[in-house]
Amino acid sequence: MLGIDLSPIQPEYVPPNCRFEIDDADDEWIYSHPFDYVHGRYVCGFLTDPARFLARAFAAIRPGGHIEVMETLMVMQAVDDSLRDHPLDRWAHLVRDGLARIGRDPLRLVHLKRWMADAGFVNITEKKLAVPVNPWARGREQKIRGALMMTNLLEVCQSITLNVLTKVWGWSSEEVEVFLVDVRAGLKDRNIHAYVPV
């Protein structure tokens, strides 16, 4: 099993059949063997050309293999007015619009299914979900999804925000960190009835 990432952020303890390499999925794929399974999570929105990534994945997968891609549009919506004029709404816009300015528009991910078909994949299944950003929603399953999304967003908010706000919008690192205090608080606030399309 091989995992790749741009940064050396992998866990210290991994199964013995797993290894990680520092690599960029945007670059040419030069792996020495084909794959049975390719998984991408929150990757395509950060790539310069997601359709090319999927074509490369198709070429690298053995006949009968599978690809699984899980993405979010980086859109935050609410079932009420709780998100209006909130730092979470501003955060989503700043990151999404900043990525678009450098040619990495997460909103284009609505085309993933078509891009997969264009690459040659068949039997494509697309599942769309509205996932709460924290456990505010009713029902056990939604609360679990919300808790997992909140944990995920809390873990990645600094890494996905810092570069965009400093390099695209000209913020200082200190300004970003102060802003993220309010973002993190909003992510934990169950009075914010927000969700993200996945």
Protein backbone atom coordinates (compact mmCIF):
# COMPACT_ATOMS: atom_id res chain seq x y z
CA MET A 1 0.00 0.00 0.00
CA LEU A 2 1.38 3.40 -0.98
CA GLY A 3 0.22 6.78 0.23
CA ILE A 4 1.40 10.13 -1.11
CA ASP A 5 1.20 13.68 0.19
CA LEU A 6 2.87 17.00 -0.48
CA SER A 7 4.05 17.24 3.11
CA PRO A 8 5.58 14.75 5.54
CA ILE A 9 2.49 14.72 7.80
CA GLN A 10 1.87 10.98 7.89
CA PRO A 11 1.33 9.20 11.19
CA GLU A 12 4.33 7.66 12.89
CA TYR A 13 2.75 4.23 13.22
CA VAL A 14 1.32 2.62 10.10
CA PRO A 15 0.58 -0.99 9.14
CA PRO A 16 3.67 -2.88 7.93
CA ASN A 17 2.28 -3.14 4.39
CA CYS A 18 1.88 0.65 4.10
CA ARG A 19 4.45 3.26 3.17
CA PHE A 20 4.28 6.96 2.38
CA GLU A 21 6.14 9.08 -0.14
CA ILE A 22 6.31 12.82 -0.62
CA ASP A 23 4.80 13.38 -4.05
CA ASP A 24 2.44 15.66 -5.94
CA ALA A 25 -0.60 14.08 -7.60
CA ASP A 26 -0.49 16.97 -10.08
CA ASP A 27 2.86 15.70 -11.42
CA GLU A 28 3.38 12.89 -13.94
CA TRP A 29 2.65 9.47 -12.45
CA ILE A 30 5.81 7.36 -12.67
CA TYR A 31 4.97 4.44 -10.41
CA SER A 32 6.61 1.14 -11.31
CA HIS A 33 3.50 -0.99 -10.91
CA PRO A 34 -0.25 -0.63 -11.53
CA PHE A 35 -2.71 -0.20 -8.67
CA ASP A 36 -5.82 -2.19 -7.74
CA TYR A 37 -7.32 0.76 -5.91
CA VAL A 38 -6.73 4.51 -5.89
CA HIS A 39 -8.29 6.67 -3.19
CA GLY A 40 -8.32 10.47 -3.16
CA ARG A 41 -9.80 12.52 -0.35
CA TYR A 42 -9.99 16.30 -0.52
CA VAL A 43 -7.46 16.26 -3.36
CA CYS A 44 -9.14 17.33 -6.60
CA GLY A 45 -10.08 20.82 -5.44
CA PHE A 46 -6.40 21.60 -4.90
CA LEU A 47 -5.17 20.27 -8.25
CA THR A 48 -4.52 22.40 -11.31
CA ASP A 49 -6.30 19.87 -13.55
CA PRO A 50 -8.51 17.29 -11.80
CA ALA A 51 -9.57 15.74 -15.14
CA ARG A 52 -5.90 15.04 -15.94
CA PHE A 53 -5.45 13.51 -12.47
CA LEU A 54 -8.35 11.14 -13.13
CA ALA A 55 -6.95 10.20 -16.55
CA ARG A 56 -3.58 9.43 -14.95
CA ALA A 57 -5.30 7.38 -12.26
CA PHE A 58 -7.20 5.41 -14.90
CA ALA A 59 -3.97 4.65 -16.74
CA ALA A 60 -2.34 3.49 -13.47
CA ILE A 61 -5.15 1.15 -12.36
CA ARG A 62 -5.18 -2.53 -13.33
CA PRO A 63 -8.17 -3.76 -15.36
CA GLY A 64 -10.95 -4.41 -12.87
CA GLY A 65 -9.48 -1.96 -10.36
CA HIS A 66 -11.32 0.83 -8.60
CA ILE A 67 -11.01 4.50 -7.79
CA GLU A 68 -12.77 6.24 -4.95
CA VAL A 69 -12.78 10.02 -4.67
CA MET A 70 -14.35 11.92 -1.79
CA GLU A 71 -14.54 15.69 -2.19
CA THR A 72 -16.29 18.76 -0.87
CA LEU A 73 -17.13 21.88 -2.83
CA MET A 74 -15.79 24.15 -0.05
CA VAL A 75 -19.19 25.70 0.20
CA MET A 76 -20.71 26.25 3.60
CA GLN A 77 -24.46 26.65 3.81
CA ALA A 78 -26.97 26.70 6.66
CA VAL A 79 -30.54 25.60 7.14
CA ASP A 80 -31.27 28.96 8.80
CA ASP A 81 -29.64 32.38 9.23
CA SER A 82 -27.06 31.18 11.77
CA LEU A 83 -24.21 31.43 9.25
CA ARG A 84 -25.01 34.97 8.11
CA ASP A 85 -22.10 37.37 8.75
CA HIS A 86 -20.26 34.61 10.62
CA PRO A 87 -16.49 33.97 10.40
CA LEU A 88 -17.22 30.46 9.03
CA ASP A 89 -18.99 31.95 6.03
CA ARG A 90 -16.15 34.41 5.47
CA TRP A 91 -13.60 31.58 5.85
CA ALA A 92 -15.30 29.43 3.21
CA HIS A 93 -15.42 32.35 0.76
CA LEU A 94 -11.83 33.44 1.36
CA VAL A 95 -10.40 29.95 0.87
CA ARG A 96 -12.60 29.04 -2.11
CA ASP A 97 -12.13 32.38 -3.89
CA GLY A 98 -8.40 32.37 -3.13
CA LEU A 99 -7.99 28.90 -4.62
CA ALA A 100 -9.92 30.01 -7.71
CA ARG A 101 -7.52 32.94 -8.14
CA ILE A 102 -4.62 30.50 -8.45
CA GLY A 103 -6.43 28.13 -10.81
CA ARG A 104 -7.69 25.59 -8.30
CA ASP A 105 -11.44 26.11 -8.18
CA PRO A 106 -13.19 23.64 -5.85
CA LEU A 107 -16.58 24.48 -7.38
CA ARG A 108 -15.59 22.76 -10.62
CA LEU A 109 -15.76 19.46 -8.75
CA VAL A 110 -19.39 19.20 -9.79
CA HIS A 111 -17.89 17.74 -13.01
CA LEU A 112 -16.12 14.78 -11.32
CA LYS A 113 -18.54 12.16 -12.64
CA ARG A 114 -18.16 13.40 -16.23
CA TRP A 115 -14.38 13.61 -15.90
CA MET A 116 -14.29 10.03 -14.64
CA ALA A 117 -16.32 8.87 -17.64
CA ASP A 118 -14.09 10.87 -20.00
CA ALA A 119 -11.03 9.19 -18.44
CA GLY A 120 -12.49 5.75 -19.21
CA PHE A 121 -14.00 4.69 -15.90
CA VAL A 122 -17.26 2.72 -16.04
CA ASN A 123 -19.91 1.81 -13.46
CA ILE A 124 -19.49 5.22 -11.86
CA THR A 125 -21.50 5.84 -8.71
CA GLU A 126 -21.95 9.35 -7.38
CA LYS A 127 -23.30 9.91 -3.90
CA LYS A 128 -24.09 13.43 -2.71
CA LEU A 129 -24.46 14.29 0.95
CA ALA A 130 -25.09 17.39 3.02
CA VAL A 131 -22.79 16.87 6.01
CA PRO A 132 -23.24 19.01 9.13
CA VAL A 133 -20.08 20.88 10.17
CA ASN A 134 -20.56 19.73 13.76
CA PRO A 135 -23.05 17.53 15.71
CA TRP A 136 -25.88 20.10 15.58
CA ALA A 137 -28.20 18.04 13.36
CA ARG A 138 -30.85 15.62 14.59
CA GLY A 139 -30.44 11.90 14.39
CA ARG A 140 -27.58 9.65 15.49
CA GLU A 141 -26.10 9.24 11.99
CA GLN A 142 -26.10 12.98 11.29
CA LYS A 143 -24.55 13.70 14.69
CA ILE A 144 -21.77 11.20 13.97
CA ARG A 145 -21.18 12.68 10.51
CA GLY A 146 -21.15 16.17 12.02
CA ALA A 147 -18.68 15.17 14.73
CA LEU A 148 -16.38 13.60 12.13
CA MET A 149 -16.62 16.63 9.82
CA MET A 150 -15.92 18.99 12.72
CA THR A 151 -12.85 16.97 13.71
CA ASN A 152 -11.64 16.93 10.11
CA LEU A 153 -12.16 20.67 9.61
CA LEU A 154 -10.49 21.51 12.91
CA GLU A 155 -7.47 19.42 11.91
CA VAL A 156 -7.08 20.92 8.43
CA CYS A 157 -8.28 24.50 8.86
CA GLN A 158 -4.82 25.89 9.57
CA SER A 159 -3.11 24.04 6.72
CA ILE A 160 -5.71 24.87 4.05
CA THR A 161 -6.04 28.48 5.19
CA LEU A 162 -2.52 29.73 5.87
CA ASN A 163 -1.10 29.53 2.34
CA VAL A 164 -4.22 30.87 0.67
CA LEU A 165 -4.67 33.84 2.98
CA THR A 166 -0.98 34.79 3.09
CA LYS A 167 -0.02 34.14 -0.54
CA VAL A 168 -3.24 35.11 -2.30
CA TRP A 169 -4.83 37.69 -0.02
CA GLY A 170 -1.64 39.13 1.56
CA TRP A 171 -2.50 38.44 5.19
CA SER A 172 0.24 38.01 7.77
CA SER A 173 0.58 34.65 9.53
CA GLU A 174 -0.48 36.35 12.75
CA GLU A 175 -3.66 37.72 11.14
CA VAL A 176 -4.52 34.24 9.89
CA GLU A 177 -4.03 32.69 13.33
CA VAL A 178 -6.24 35.34 14.99
CA PHE A 179 -8.93 34.76 12.35
CA LEU A 180 -8.74 30.98 12.83
CA VAL A 181 -9.57 31.38 16.54
CA ASP A 182 -13.06 32.51 15.48
CA VAL A 183 -13.26 29.85 12.75
CA ARG A 184 -12.46 27.07 15.23
CA ALA A 185 -14.95 28.44 17.73
CA GLY A 186 -17.61 28.53 15.00
CA LEU A 187 -16.88 24.96 13.99
CA LYS A 188 -17.54 23.86 17.58
CA ASP A 189 -20.67 26.01 18.04
CA ARG A 190 -23.81 23.85 17.74
CA ASN A 191 -25.89 27.00 17.34
CA ILE A 192 -24.36 27.32 13.87
CA HIS A 193 -26.55 25.05 11.74
CA ALA A 194 -24.15 24.78 8.82
CA TYR A 195 -23.38 21.93 6.46
CA VAL A 196 -21.09 21.27 3.52
CA PRO A 197 -22.01 19.47 0.29
CA VAL A 198 -19.91 16.32 -0.12
